[in-house]
Amino acid sequence: MKKKAAKKAPRKAVKKAAKKAPKKASKKAPKKAAKKASKKAPAKKVKNKLSLKQVALAVTKGKALDAKQILGAAKKAGHKFSGKNPLNSLRVMLYTNKKAFKNNKGKFTAA
């Protein structure tokens, strides 16, 4: 019986790992600096008279609107959003409050 030759694959894997390690270390350093800079300026808490849910219920009473239309109406009503993506927070609220909002193919009405 012949002895099997050693595989060369482990050497390639070691070389690839060695090449990748320095690149990862250099990419991580700027991200940490960016995080520290963002912590220095905390976001201000916005105070609204009505909650987003209350504003959306008032806007959608009697008519079916999609999320973008509700967002525009909420801004016209004076609701201020503190997040980077207000449409995202509005959609989360609309889809999770199934007792308050009826959804018909993306058009929401007050239940």
Protein backbone atom coordinates (compact mmCIF):
# COMPACT_ATOMS: atom_id res chain seq x y z
CA MET A 1 0.00 0.00 0.00
CA LYS A 2 1.15 3.49 -0.86
CA LYS A 3 1.22 6.30 1.65
CA LYS A 4 -0.98 9.27 0.88
CA ALA A 5 0.80 12.53 0.19
CA ALA A 6 0.19 15.45 2.54
CA LYS A 7 -2.37 17.96 1.31
CA LYS A 8 -1.21 21.46 0.35
CA ALA A 9 -4.50 23.15 1.16
CA PRO A 10 -3.64 23.99 4.80
CA ARG A 11 -0.64 26.07 3.69
CA LYS A 12 -2.83 28.16 1.40
CA ALA A 13 -5.34 28.74 4.18
CA VAL A 14 -2.60 29.89 6.53
CA LYS A 15 -1.23 32.31 3.92
CA LYS A 16 -4.69 33.74 3.24
CA ALA A 17 -5.35 34.22 6.93
CA ALA A 18 -2.00 35.95 7.38
CA LYS A 19 -2.74 38.33 4.50
CA LYS A 20 -6.22 39.23 5.76
CA ALA A 21 -5.29 39.91 9.38
CA PRO A 22 -3.41 43.23 8.88
CA LYS A 23 -6.15 44.63 6.63
CA LYS A 24 -8.86 44.00 9.22
CA ALA A 25 -6.86 45.71 11.95
CA SER A 26 -6.37 48.84 9.86
CA LYS A 27 -10.09 49.06 9.01
CA LYS A 28 -11.22 48.80 12.63
CA ALA A 29 -9.23 51.77 13.91
CA PRO A 30 -11.18 54.56 12.09
CA LYS A 31 -14.55 53.07 13.10
CA LYS A 32 -13.66 53.35 16.79
CA ALA A 33 -12.67 56.98 16.33
CA ALA A 34 -15.99 57.72 14.61
CA LYS A 35 -17.97 56.15 17.45
CA LYS A 36 -16.17 58.26 20.05
CA ALA A 37 -16.92 61.43 18.12
CA SER A 38 -20.65 60.63 17.93
CA LYS A 39 -20.88 60.07 21.69
CA LYS A 40 -19.69 63.60 22.43
CA ALA A 41 -22.85 65.24 21.05
CA PRO A 42 -25.95 63.52 22.47
CA ALA A 43 -29.20 63.97 20.56
CA LYS A 44 -31.80 66.27 22.02
CA LYS A 45 -35.05 64.70 23.16
CA VAL A 46 -37.97 66.05 21.17
CA LYS A 47 -41.19 66.72 23.07
CA ASN A 48 -44.43 66.45 21.15
CA LYS A 49 -47.91 67.26 22.44
CA LEU A 50 -49.34 64.09 20.87
CA SER A 51 -47.68 60.74 20.31
CA LEU A 52 -47.01 59.50 16.80
CA LYS A 53 -49.79 56.94 17.20
CA GLN A 54 -52.31 59.62 18.17
CA VAL A 55 -51.31 61.82 15.23
CA ALA A 56 -51.52 58.91 12.78
CA LEU A 57 -54.96 57.92 14.13
CA ALA A 58 -56.23 61.46 13.66
CA VAL A 59 -54.83 61.69 10.12
CA THR A 60 -56.14 58.31 8.93
CA LYS A 61 -59.64 58.70 10.42
CA GLY A 62 -62.09 58.19 7.57
CA LYS A 63 -59.53 57.79 4.77
CA ALA A 64 -56.91 55.28 3.63
CA LEU A 65 -53.36 56.61 3.29
CA ASP A 66 -49.99 54.99 2.68
CA ALA A 67 -47.04 55.48 5.03
CA LYS A 68 -45.50 58.38 3.05
CA GLN A 69 -48.77 60.30 3.05
CA ILE A 70 -49.19 59.75 6.78
CA LEU A 71 -45.63 60.97 7.36
CA GLY A 72 -46.28 64.15 5.39
CA ALA A 73 -49.50 64.80 7.27
CA ALA A 74 -47.81 64.19 10.62
CA LYS A 75 -45.10 66.71 9.76
CA LYS A 76 -47.76 69.25 8.71
CA ALA A 77 -49.51 68.66 12.02
CA GLY A 78 -46.30 69.68 13.79
CA HIS A 79 -45.00 66.29 14.94
CA LYS A 80 -41.21 66.31 15.20
CA PHE A 81 -39.17 63.17 14.65
CA SER A 82 -35.89 62.67 16.47
CA GLY A 83 -34.58 59.70 14.47
CA LYS A 84 -32.59 59.62 11.25
CA ASN A 85 -35.30 57.75 9.37
CA PRO A 86 -38.78 58.91 10.42
CA LEU A 87 -40.55 56.81 7.78
CA ASN A 88 -39.03 53.68 9.32
CA SER A 89 -40.32 54.48 12.80
CA LEU A 90 -43.75 55.31 11.37
CA ARG A 91 -43.95 52.01 9.49
CA VAL A 92 -42.93 50.04 12.58
CA MET A 93 -45.70 51.76 14.53
CA LEU A 94 -48.29 51.14 11.79
CA TYR A 95 -47.51 47.45 11.32
CA THR A 96 -47.20 46.59 15.02
CA ASN A 97 -50.42 48.30 16.19
CA LYS A 98 -52.86 45.99 14.44
CA LYS A 99 -55.69 46.86 16.82
CA ALA A 100 -55.43 50.57 16.02
CA PHE A 101 -54.75 50.44 12.25
CA LYS A 102 -56.24 48.37 9.45
CA ASN A 103 -53.87 47.57 6.60
CA ASN A 104 -55.20 47.01 3.10
CA LYS A 105 -52.31 46.51 0.63
CA GLY A 106 -50.18 49.23 2.19
CA LYS A 107 -53.03 51.69 2.77
CA PHE A 108 -53.76 52.30 6.45
CA THR A 109 -56.98 53.45 8.10
CA ALA A 110 -57.88 53.98 11.72
CA ALA A 111 -59.62 50.88 13.08
